Amino acid sequence: MADGSGGMRGRVCLVTGATLGIGRATAVGLARQGARVGIVGRSRERGEAVRAEIAREAGASAVELFLGDLSSQAEVRRIAGEVRARFGRLDVLVSNAGVYTRRRESTVDGIETQLAVNHLAPFLLTRLLLDLLTASAPARVVVVSSEAHRGARIPWDDLQGERKYSGLRAYANTKLMNLLFVRELARRTAGTGVTVNALHPGVVATELLFGGWAPLRLLRPFLRTPEQGASTSVWLASSAEVEGVTGRYFRDEREVVPSRAALDDEAARRLWKISEELTGLSSSS
């Protein structure tokens, strides 16, 4: 993907959740390598400010803002349409956006919020942009997961926590879903020139973390910075070291073995089918 100097000049990258924390740092890192970067966020005011900051910090002018709430499937579809209209190609898609809720909440689509944002949004956006990625191959999909997936299980009989809900458990389950999605997508895109990998960014001082576990603010000096958390995302998006590598899980720019549940091919296929049903997609979409 990158040239000999590690540059991304001429490449087009899209980063979700890019107006704060790890996503913002990822966008800066890719822009610094010369990439044309699209950032996805909900707030126009914050998005415009971050776009200007990224352009200034990275010395880049090609930073574009896509506004939308990823909890809404209609907005995910609109964002995908705008990306297709404004970008003639797409070399890298970084699915970074995530959310944590202590209590069960539902989106405008009637879907539990963590499931909608952490799993279904990247599933849907990737599927809608997959032909553009394939046409731009070699291309890469990077999914931010978490070590929180260890110990998680997919509650097939209560996927949306309607009978029993724990915010922490639901979050961990969606991080497991990220890895199962990566595994199945890698199988389906084999030989196309599109690679897909997941990563754990570490324990990073972000609003997502503090929003879920407020006492951790006291540990801020000991936590990773967003820039440190973004390093593996940027590396997976740009490094020649992982050219052609797909379906893997990384931490600190090294491959690690995920949980046994994350290696379950049958579960990956089952989740894919359910995700198609929940997003209104078909296997040919």
C-alpha atoms as a PDB file:
ATOM      1  CA  MET A   1       0.000   0.000   0.000  1.00  0.00           C
ATOM      2  CA  ALA A   2       2.627   2.495   1.048  1.00  0.00           C
ATOM      3  CA  ASP A   3       5.582   3.364  -1.127  1.00  0.00           C
ATOM      4  CA  GLY A   4       9.163   2.816  -0.081  1.00  0.00           C
ATOM      5  CA  SER A   5       9.168   5.900   2.166  1.00  0.00           C
ATOM      6  CA  GLY A   6       5.916   4.895   3.851  1.00  0.00           C
ATOM      7  CA  GLY A   7       3.950   7.502   1.983  1.00  0.00           C
ATOM      8  CA  MET A   8       0.280   7.310   1.062  1.00  0.00           C
ATOM      9  CA  ARG A   9       0.278  10.027  -1.574  1.00  0.00           C
ATOM     10  CA  GLY A  10      -2.492   9.460  -4.087  1.00  0.00           C
ATOM     11  CA  ARG A  11      -4.385   7.130  -1.764  1.00  0.00           C
ATOM     12  CA  VAL A  12      -7.904   7.836  -0.497  1.00  0.00           C
ATOM     13  CA  CYS A  13      -8.793   6.896   3.080  1.00  0.00           C
ATOM     14  CA  LEU A  14     -12.049   7.090   5.026  1.00  0.00           C
ATOM     15  CA  VAL A  15     -12.018   7.069   8.845  1.00  0.00           C
ATOM     16  CA  THR A  16     -15.187   6.829  10.932  1.00  0.00           C
ATOM     17  CA  GLY A  17     -15.441   8.370  14.381  1.00  0.00           C
ATOM     18  CA  ALA A  18     -12.689  10.737  13.283  1.00  0.00           C
ATOM     19  CA  THR A  19     -13.608  13.899  15.162  1.00  0.00           C
ATOM     20  CA  LEU A  20     -12.317  12.659  18.517  1.00  0.00           C
ATOM     21  CA  GLY A  21      -9.663  10.465  20.073  1.00  0.00           C
ATOM     22  CA  ILE A  22      -8.223   7.521  18.191  1.00  0.00           C
ATOM     23  CA  GLY A  23     -10.124   8.265  14.993  1.00  0.00           C
ATOM     24  CA  ARG A  24      -8.883  11.835  14.824  1.00  0.00           C
ATOM     25  CA  ALA A  25      -5.299  10.677  15.483  1.00  0.00           C
ATOM     26  CA  THR A  26      -5.674   8.025  12.766  1.00  0.00           C
ATOM     27  CA  ALA A  27      -6.838  10.620  10.259  1.00  0.00           C
ATOM     28  CA  VAL A  28      -3.913  12.881  11.149  1.00  0.00           C
ATOM     29  CA  GLY A  29      -1.451  10.013  10.770  1.00  0.00           C
ATOM     30  CA  LEU A  30      -2.733   9.085   7.316  1.00  0.00           C
ATOM     31  CA  ALA A  31      -2.905  12.705   6.171  1.00  0.00           C
ATOM     32  CA  ARG A  32       0.696  13.202   7.254  1.00  0.00           C
ATOM     33  CA  GLN A  33       1.647  10.400   4.881  1.00  0.00           C
ATOM     34  CA  GLY A  34       0.032  12.289   2.029  1.00  0.00           C
ATOM     35  CA  ALA A  35      -3.326  10.516   1.836  1.00  0.00           C
ATOM     36  CA  ARG A  36      -6.535  12.244   0.865  1.00  0.00           C
ATOM     37  CA  VAL A  37      -8.617  11.659   3.981  1.00  0.00           C
ATOM     38  CA  GLY A  38     -12.350  11.608   4.562  1.00  0.00           C
ATOM     39  CA  ILE A  39     -13.507  11.943   8.151  1.00  0.00           C
ATOM     40  CA  VAL A  40     -16.923  10.828   9.399  1.00  0.00           C
ATOM     41  CA  GLY A  41     -18.542  12.544  12.385  1.00  0.00           C
ATOM     42  CA  ARG A  42     -21.907  13.650  13.719  1.00  0.00           C
ATOM     43  CA  SER A  43     -21.331  17.337  14.517  1.00  0.00           C
ATOM     44  CA  ARG A  44     -20.745  19.867  11.745  1.00  0.00           C
ATOM     45  CA  GLU A  45     -19.172  22.364  14.152  1.00  0.00           C
ATOM     46  CA  ARG A  46     -16.762  19.834  15.600  1.00  0.00           C
ATOM     47  CA  GLY A  47     -16.184  18.204  12.226  1.00  0.00           C
ATOM     48  CA  GLU A  48     -15.235  21.464  10.522  1.00  0.00           C
ATOM     49  CA  ALA A  49     -12.916  22.342  13.394  1.00  0.00           C
ATOM     50  CA  VAL A  50     -11.226  18.947  13.273  1.00  0.00           C
ATOM     51  CA  ARG A  51     -10.920  19.086   9.495  1.00  0.00           C
ATOM     52  CA  ALA A  52      -9.065  22.388   9.834  1.00  0.00           C
ATOM     53  CA  GLU A  53      -6.901  20.996  12.638  1.00  0.00           C
ATOM     54  CA  ILE A  54      -5.960  17.907  10.639  1.00  0.00           C
ATOM     55  CA  ALA A  55      -5.104  20.020   7.594  1.00  0.00           C
ATOM     56  CA  ARG A  56      -2.949  22.292   9.754  1.00  0.00           C
ATOM     57  CA  GLU A  57      -1.217  19.562  11.779  1.00  0.00           C
ATOM     58  CA  ALA A  58      -0.605  17.269   8.817  1.00  0.00           C
ATOM     59  CA  GLY A  59       0.163  20.002   6.308  1.00  0.00           C
ATOM     60  CA  ALA A  60      -2.589  18.565   4.139  1.00  0.00           C
ATOM     61  CA  SER A  61      -5.372  20.288   2.246  1.00  0.00           C
ATOM     62  CA  ALA A  62      -7.234  17.187   1.039  1.00  0.00           C
ATOM     63  CA  VAL A  63      -9.384  16.503   4.111  1.00  0.00           C
ATOM     64  CA  GLU A  64     -13.111  16.051   3.567  1.00  0.00           C
ATOM     65  CA  LEU A  65     -15.928  15.875   6.086  1.00  0.00           C
ATOM     66  CA  PHE A  66     -18.849  13.451   5.892  1.00  0.00           C
ATOM     67  CA  LEU A  67     -21.598  14.177   8.402  1.00  0.00           C
ATOM     68  CA  GLY A  68     -23.851  11.471   9.769  1.00  0.00           C
ATOM     69  CA  ASP A  69     -25.024   9.502  12.780  1.00  0.00           C
ATOM     70  CA  LEU A  70     -23.858   5.925  12.397  1.00  0.00           C
ATOM     71  CA  SER A  71     -26.625   4.675  14.683  1.00  0.00           C
ATOM     72  CA  SER A  72     -29.035   5.322  11.784  1.00  0.00           C
ATOM     73  CA  GLN A  73     -28.858   2.928   8.854  1.00  0.00           C
ATOM     74  CA  ALA A  74     -30.373   5.575   6.584  1.00  0.00           C
ATOM     75  CA  GLU A  75     -27.495   7.896   7.442  1.00  0.00           C
ATOM     76  CA  VAL A  76     -24.917   5.149   6.929  1.00  0.00           C
ATOM     77  CA  ARG A  77     -26.384   4.638   3.467  1.00  0.00           C
ATOM     78  CA  ARG A  78     -26.324   8.381   2.776  1.00  0.00           C
ATOM     79  CA  ILE A  79     -22.682   8.617   3.872  1.00  0.00           C
ATOM     80  CA  ALA A  80     -21.788   5.717   1.575  1.00  0.00           C
ATOM     81  CA  GLY A  81     -23.522   7.480  -1.310  1.00  0.00           C
ATOM     82  CA  GLU A  82     -21.665  10.722  -0.630  1.00  0.00           C
ATOM     83  CA  VAL A  83     -18.335   8.902  -0.446  1.00  0.00           C
ATOM     84  CA  ARG A  84     -19.013   7.299  -3.797  1.00  0.00           C
ATOM     85  CA  ALA A  85     -19.996  10.654  -5.310  1.00  0.00           C
ATOM     86  CA  ARG A  86     -17.051  12.650  -3.944  1.00  0.00           C
ATOM     87  CA  PHE A  87     -14.298  10.023  -4.154  1.00  0.00           C
ATOM     88  CA  GLY A  88     -13.524   8.263  -7.398  1.00  0.00           C
ATOM     89  CA  ARG A  89     -11.734   5.541  -5.477  1.00  0.00           C
ATOM     90  CA  LEU A  90     -11.290   4.208  -1.940  1.00  0.00           C
ATOM     91  CA  ASP A  91      -8.043   2.609  -0.864  1.00  0.00           C
ATOM     92  CA  VAL A  92      -8.571   2.355   2.885  1.00  0.00           C
ATOM     93  CA  LEU A  93     -11.637   2.176   5.120  1.00  0.00           C
ATOM     94  CA  VAL A  94     -10.945   2.456   8.850  1.00  0.00           C
ATOM     95  CA  SER A  95     -13.974   1.555  10.977  1.00  0.00           C
ATOM     96  CA  ASN A  96     -13.104   3.238  14.231  1.00  0.00           C
ATOM     97  CA  ALA A  97     -16.396   4.670  15.540  1.00  0.00           C
ATOM     98  CA  GLY A  98     -17.770   3.080  18.672  1.00  0.00           C
ATOM     99  CA  VAL A  99     -20.135   3.707  21.551  1.00  0.00           C
ATOM    100  CA  TYR A 100     -20.754   2.418  25.061  1.00  0.00           C
ATOM    101  CA  THR A 101     -24.052   2.661  26.946  1.00  0.00           C
ATOM    102  CA  ARG A 102     -24.605   1.497  30.505  1.00  0.00           C
ATOM    103  CA  ARG A 103     -28.345   1.101  30.054  1.00  0.00           C
ATOM    104  CA  ARG A 104     -30.083  -0.434  27.101  1.00  0.00           C
ATOM    105  CA  GLU A 105     -30.989   2.103  24.439  1.00  0.00           C
ATOM    106  CA  SER A 106     -32.488   1.723  20.974  1.00  0.00           C
ATOM    107  CA  THR A 107     -31.735   3.538  17.739  1.00  0.00           C
ATOM    108  CA  VAL A 108     -34.205   5.075  15.296  1.00  0.00           C
ATOM    109  CA  ASP A 109     -34.197   1.673  13.594  1.00  0.00           C
ATOM    110  CA  GLY A 110     -35.277  -0.061  16.800  1.00  0.00           C
ATOM    111  CA  ILE A 111     -31.921  -1.786  17.267  1.00  0.00           C
ATOM    112  CA  GLU A 112     -29.917  -1.881  20.499  1.00  0.00           C
ATOM    113  CA  THR A 113     -27.459   1.011  20.239  1.00  0.00           C
ATOM    114  CA  GLN A 114     -24.137  -0.753  20.835  1.00  0.00           C
ATOM    115  CA  LEU A 115     -25.019  -3.476  18.347  1.00  0.00           C
ATOM    116  CA  ALA A 116     -26.079  -0.827  15.831  1.00  0.00           C
ATOM    117  CA  VAL A 117     -23.021   1.422  16.086  1.00  0.00           C
ATOM    118  CA  ASN A 118     -20.215  -0.978  16.982  1.00  0.00           C
ATOM    119  CA  HIS A 119     -21.116  -3.822  14.625  1.00  0.00           C
ATOM    120  CA  LEU A 120     -23.923  -3.144  12.173  1.00  0.00           C
ATOM    121  CA  ALA A 121     -22.666   0.289  11.095  1.00  0.00           C
ATOM    122  CA  PRO A 122     -19.217  -0.966   9.995  1.00  0.00           C
ATOM    123  CA  PHE A 123     -20.830  -4.067   8.489  1.00  0.00           C
ATOM    124  CA  LEU A 124     -23.246  -1.974   6.426  1.00  0.00           C
ATOM    125  CA  LEU A 125     -20.790   0.762   5.443  1.00  0.00           C
ATOM    126  CA  THR A 126     -18.186  -1.774   4.352  1.00  0.00           C
ATOM    127  CA  ARG A 127     -20.694  -3.741   2.310  1.00  0.00           C
ATOM    128  CA  LEU A 128     -21.945  -0.585   0.585  1.00  0.00           C
ATOM    129  CA  LEU A 129     -18.394   0.505  -0.278  1.00  0.00           C
ATOM    130  CA  LEU A 130     -16.923  -2.922  -1.021  1.00  0.00           C
ATOM    131  CA  ASP A 131     -17.198  -2.644  -4.797  1.00  0.00           C
ATOM    132  CA  LEU A 132     -15.399   0.730  -4.665  1.00  0.00           C
ATOM    133  CA  LEU A 133     -12.657  -0.799  -2.525  1.00  0.00           C
ATOM    134  CA  THR A 134     -12.399  -3.762  -4.900  1.00  0.00           C
ATOM    135  CA  ALA A 135     -12.147  -1.469  -7.932  1.00  0.00           C
ATOM    136  CA  SER A 136      -9.331   0.407  -6.149  1.00  0.00           C
ATOM    137  CA  ALA A 137      -7.435  -2.739  -5.115  1.00  0.00           C
ATOM    138  CA  PRO A 138      -5.070  -3.319  -3.516  1.00  0.00           C
ATOM    139  CA  ALA A 139      -7.250  -1.856  -0.778  1.00  0.00           C
ATOM    140  CA  ARG A 140      -7.581  -2.333   2.951  1.00  0.00           C
ATOM    141  CA  VAL A 141     -10.310  -2.475   5.571  1.00  0.00           C
ATOM    142  CA  VAL A 142      -9.202  -1.850   9.154  1.00  0.00           C
ATOM    143  CA  VAL A 143     -11.584  -2.529  12.055  1.00  0.00           C
ATOM    144  CA  VAL A 144     -10.928  -1.289  15.577  1.00  0.00           C
ATOM    145  CA  SER A 145     -11.897  -4.069  17.984  1.00  0.00           C
ATOM    146  CA  SER A 146     -10.703  -4.641  21.546  1.00  0.00           C
ATOM    147  CA  GLU A 147      -9.229  -7.133  23.960  1.00  0.00           C
ATOM    148  CA  ALA A 148     -12.628  -6.783  25.637  1.00  0.00           C
ATOM    149  CA  HIS A 149     -13.748  -9.495  23.196  1.00  0.00           C
ATOM    150  CA  ARG A 150     -12.000 -12.125  25.309  1.00  0.00           C
ATOM    151  CA  GLY A 151     -14.558 -13.941  27.414  1.00  0.00           C
ATOM    152  CA  ALA A 152     -17.433 -12.590  25.329  1.00  0.00           C
ATOM    153  CA  ARG A 153     -19.992 -14.797  23.646  1.00  0.00           C
ATOM    154  CA  ILE A 154     -22.681 -14.117  21.080  1.00  0.00           C
ATOM    155  CA  PRO A 155     -26.105 -14.372  22.777  1.00  0.00           C
ATOM    156  CA  TRP A 156     -27.890 -15.787  19.743  1.00  0.00           C
ATOM    157  CA  ASP A 157     -31.206 -16.108  21.592  1.00  0.00           C
ATOM    158  CA  ASP A 158     -31.051 -12.513  22.919  1.00  0.00           C
ATOM    159  CA  LEU A 159     -28.806 -10.649  20.476  1.00  0.00           C
ATOM    160  CA  GLN A 160     -30.170  -7.228  21.387  1.00  0.00           C
ATOM    161  CA  GLY A 161     -30.329  -7.714  25.139  1.00  0.00           C
ATOM    162  CA  GLU A 162     -34.085  -7.443  25.314  1.00  0.00           C
ATOM    163  CA  ARG A 163     -34.409  -9.996  28.110  1.00  0.00           C
ATOM    164  CA  LYS A 164     -31.193  -9.310  29.978  1.00  0.00           C
ATOM    165  CA  TYR A 165     -28.847  -6.375  29.468  1.00  0.00           C
ATOM    166  CA  SER A 166     -25.409  -5.440  30.738  1.00  0.00           C
ATOM    167  CA  GLY A 167     -23.642  -2.524  29.109  1.00  0.00           C
ATOM    168  CA  LEU A 168     -20.194  -4.046  29.621  1.00  0.00           C
ATOM    169  CA  ARG A 169     -21.290  -7.435  28.320  1.00  0.00           C
ATOM    170  CA  ALA A 170     -22.971  -5.885  25.295  1.00  0.00           C
ATOM    171  CA  TYR A 171     -19.828  -3.886  24.497  1.00  0.00           C
ATOM    172  CA  ALA A 172     -17.602  -6.963  24.755  1.00  0.00           C
ATOM    173  CA  ASN A 173     -19.987  -8.915  22.545  1.00  0.00           C
ATOM    174  CA  THR A 174     -19.829  -6.270  19.819  1.00  0.00           C
ATOM    175  CA  LYS A 175     -16.039  -6.374  19.912  1.00  0.00           C
ATOM    176  CA  LEU A 176     -16.260 -10.132  19.359  1.00  0.00           C
ATOM    177  CA  MET A 177     -18.650  -9.441  16.482  1.00  0.00           C
ATOM    178  CA  ASN A 178     -16.027  -7.139  14.956  1.00  0.00           C
ATOM    179  CA  LEU A 179     -13.576 -10.027  14.836  1.00  0.00           C
ATOM    180  CA  LEU A 180     -16.105 -12.476  13.427  1.00  0.00           C
ATOM    181  CA  PHE A 181     -17.022  -9.903  10.762  1.00  0.00           C
ATOM    182  CA  VAL A 182     -13.359  -9.504   9.825  1.00  0.00           C
ATOM    183  CA  ARG A 183     -12.920 -13.262   9.612  1.00  0.00           C
ATOM    184  CA  GLU A 184     -15.903 -13.786   7.322  1.00  0.00           C
ATOM    185  CA  LEU A 185     -15.202 -10.720   5.182  1.00  0.00           C
ATOM    186  CA  ALA A 186     -11.621 -11.894   4.685  1.00  0.00           C
ATOM    187  CA  ARG A 187     -12.952 -15.252   3.481  1.00  0.00           C
ATOM    188  CA  ARG A 188     -15.392 -13.610   1.096  1.00  0.00           C
ATOM    189  CA  THR A 189     -12.855 -11.161  -0.352  1.00  0.00           C
ATOM    190  CA  ALA A 190     -10.027 -13.663  -0.821  1.00  0.00           C
ATOM    191  CA  GLY A 191      -8.342 -13.089  -4.162  1.00  0.00           C
ATOM    192  CA  THR A 192      -9.948  -9.689  -4.777  1.00  0.00           C
ATOM    193  CA  GLY A 193      -7.035  -7.559  -3.616  1.00  0.00           C
ATOM    194  CA  VAL A 194      -9.019  -6.301  -0.619  1.00  0.00           C
ATOM    195  CA  THR A 195      -7.590  -7.211   2.770  1.00  0.00           C
ATOM    196  CA  VAL A 196      -9.311  -6.811   6.131  1.00  0.00           C
ATOM    197  CA  ASN A 197      -7.772  -6.876   9.585  1.00  0.00           C
ATOM    198  CA  ALA A 198      -8.709  -5.942  13.150  1.00  0.00           C
ATOM    199  CA  LEU A 199      -6.781  -4.480  16.023  1.00  0.00           C
ATOM    200  CA  HIS A 200      -6.773  -3.684  19.717  1.00  0.00           C
ATOM    201  CA  PRO A 201      -5.663  -0.052  20.271  1.00  0.00           C
ATOM    202  CA  GLY A 202      -4.770  -0.484  23.918  1.00  0.00           C
ATOM    203  CA  VAL A 203      -6.361   1.279  26.879  1.00  0.00           C
ATOM    204  CA  VAL A 204      -6.558   4.815  25.567  1.00  0.00           C
ATOM    205  CA  ALA A 205      -7.573   8.038  27.294  1.00  0.00           C
ATOM    206  CA  THR A 206     -10.704   8.778  25.256  1.00  0.00           C
ATOM    207  CA  GLU A 207     -14.193  10.058  26.007  1.00  0.00           C
ATOM    208  CA  LEU A 208     -15.569   6.599  25.158  1.00  0.00           C
ATOM    209  CA  LEU A 209     -13.481   5.081  27.938  1.00  0.00           C
ATOM    210  CA  PHE A 210     -14.215   7.788  30.475  1.00  0.00           C
ATOM    211  CA  GLY A 211     -17.889   7.848  29.582  1.00  0.00           C
ATOM    212  CA  GLY A 212     -18.161   4.193  30.477  1.00  0.00           C
ATOM    213  CA  TRP A 213     -15.720   4.070  33.371  1.00  0.00           C
ATOM    214  CA  ALA A 214     -15.469   7.596  34.820  1.00  0.00           C
ATOM    215  CA  PRO A 215     -13.070   6.679  37.701  1.00  0.00           C
ATOM    216  CA  LEU A 216     -10.449   5.833  35.070  1.00  0.00           C
ATOM    217  CA  ARG A 217      -9.961   9.585  34.571  1.00  0.00           C
ATOM    218  CA  LEU A 218      -7.721   9.372  37.630  1.00  0.00           C
ATOM    219  CA  LEU A 219      -5.455   7.043  35.657  1.00  0.00           C
ATOM    220  CA  ARG A 220      -5.163   9.346  32.632  1.00  0.00           C
ATOM    221  CA  PRO A 221      -1.374   9.852  33.094  1.00  0.00           C
ATOM    222  CA  PHE A 222      -0.880   6.085  32.828  1.00  0.00           C
ATOM    223  CA  LEU A 223      -3.142   5.479  29.828  1.00  0.00           C
ATOM    224  CA  ARG A 224      -2.200   5.611  26.176  1.00  0.00           C
ATOM    225  CA  THR A 225      -2.653   8.808  24.250  1.00  0.00           C
ATOM    226  CA  PRO A 226      -4.968   8.761  21.206  1.00  0.00           C
ATOM    227  CA  GLU A 227      -1.856   8.987  19.023  1.00  0.00           C
ATOM    228  CA  GLN A 228      -0.420   5.865  20.642  1.00  0.00           C
ATOM    229  CA  GLY A 229      -3.778   4.130  20.294  1.00  0.00           C
ATOM    230  CA  ALA A 230      -3.965   5.037  16.609  1.00  0.00           C
ATOM    231  CA  SER A 231      -0.503   3.755  15.720  1.00  0.00           C
ATOM    232  CA  THR A 232      -1.627   0.211  14.827  1.00  0.00           C
ATOM    233  CA  SER A 233      -4.588   1.518  12.804  1.00  0.00           C
ATOM    234  CA  VAL A 234      -2.269   3.730  10.754  1.00  0.00           C
ATOM    235  CA  TRP A 235       0.237   0.894  10.380  1.00  0.00           C
ATOM    236  CA  LEU A 236      -2.400  -1.563   9.173  1.00  0.00           C
ATOM    237  CA  ALA A 237      -3.711   1.039   6.734  1.00  0.00           C
ATOM    238  CA  SER A 238      -0.351   1.936   5.258  1.00  0.00           C
ATOM    239  CA  SER A 239       2.529  -0.409   6.007  1.00  0.00           C
ATOM    240  CA  ALA A 240       4.102  -2.595   3.349  1.00  0.00           C
ATOM    241  CA  GLU A 241       4.735  -5.145   6.124  1.00  0.00           C
ATOM    242  CA  VAL A 242       1.091  -6.256   6.026  1.00  0.00           C
ATOM    243  CA  GLU A 243       0.584  -6.132   2.268  1.00  0.00           C
ATOM    244  CA  GLY A 244      -1.634  -9.109   1.391  1.00  0.00           C
ATOM    245  CA  VAL A 245      -2.212 -10.077   5.031  1.00  0.00           C
ATOM    246  CA  THR A 246      -5.897 -10.581   5.785  1.00  0.00           C
ATOM    247  CA  GLY A 247      -8.282 -11.912   8.420  1.00  0.00           C
ATOM    248  CA  ARG A 248      -5.886 -11.299  11.304  1.00  0.00           C
ATOM    249  CA  TYR A 249      -5.901  -9.516  14.654  1.00  0.00           C
ATOM    250  CA  PHE A 250      -3.146  -7.152  15.810  1.00  0.00           C
ATOM    251  CA  ARG A 251      -1.932  -5.332  18.897  1.00  0.00           C
ATOM    252  CA  ASP A 252       1.040  -2.961  19.009  1.00  0.00           C
ATOM    253  CA  GLU A 253       1.761  -3.664  15.329  1.00  0.00           C
ATOM    254  CA  ARG A 254       2.111  -7.382  15.997  1.00  0.00           C
ATOM    255  CA  GLU A 255      -0.253 -10.194  15.184  1.00  0.00           C
ATOM    256  CA  VAL A 256      -1.859 -11.828  18.220  1.00  0.00           C
ATOM    257  CA  VAL A 257      -4.222 -14.772  18.497  1.00  0.00           C
ATOM    258  CA  PRO A 258      -7.771 -13.732  19.428  1.00  0.00           C
ATOM    259  CA  SER A 259     -10.095 -15.765  21.606  1.00  0.00           C
ATOM    260  CA  ARG A 260     -11.312 -19.165  20.468  1.00  0.00           C
ATOM    261  CA  ALA A 261     -14.791 -17.691  19.957  1.00  0.00           C
ATOM    262  CA  ALA A 262     -13.345 -15.197  17.460  1.00  0.00           C
ATOM    263  CA  LEU A 263     -11.992 -18.081  15.345  1.00  0.00           C
ATOM    264  CA  ASP A 264     -15.363 -19.826  14.990  1.00  0.00           C
ATOM    265  CA  ASP A 265     -16.126 -19.928  11.258  1.00  0.00           C
ATOM    266  CA  GLU A 266     -19.656 -21.213  11.762  1.00  0.00           C
ATOM    267  CA  ALA A 267     -20.417 -18.328  14.144  1.00  0.00           C
ATOM    268  CA  ALA A 268     -18.905 -15.872  11.662  1.00  0.00           C
ATOM    269  CA  ARG A 269     -21.184 -17.109   8.880  1.00  0.00           C
ATOM    270  CA  ARG A 270     -24.207 -17.103  11.171  1.00  0.00           C
ATOM    271  CA  LEU A 271     -23.512 -13.542  12.310  1.00  0.00           C
ATOM    272  CA  TRP A 272     -23.065 -12.425   8.702  1.00  0.00           C
ATOM    273  CA  LYS A 273     -26.492 -13.760   7.772  1.00  0.00           C
ATOM    274  CA  ILE A 274     -28.172 -12.147  10.776  1.00  0.00           C
ATOM    275  CA  SER A 275     -26.385  -8.862  10.045  1.00  0.00           C
ATOM    276  CA  GLU A 276     -27.694  -8.947   6.465  1.00  0.00           C
ATOM    277  CA  GLU A 277     -31.207  -9.400   7.793  1.00  0.00           C
ATOM    278  CA  LEU A 278     -30.864  -6.555  10.300  1.00  0.00           C
ATOM    279  CA  THR A 279     -29.506  -4.163   7.661  1.00  0.00           C
ATOM    280  CA  GLY A 280     -31.773  -5.212   4.828  1.00  0.00           C
ATOM    281  CA  LEU A 281     -28.933  -6.479   2.669  1.00  0.00           C
ATOM    282  CA  SER A 282     -28.771  -9.604   0.569  1.00  0.00           C
ATOM    283  CA  SER A 283     -25.741 -11.751  -0.104  1.00  0.00           C
ATOM    284  CA  SER A 284     -25.386 -10.105  -3.481  1.00  0.00           C
ATOM    285  CA  SER A 285     -25.524  -6.535  -2.093  1.00  0.00           C
END
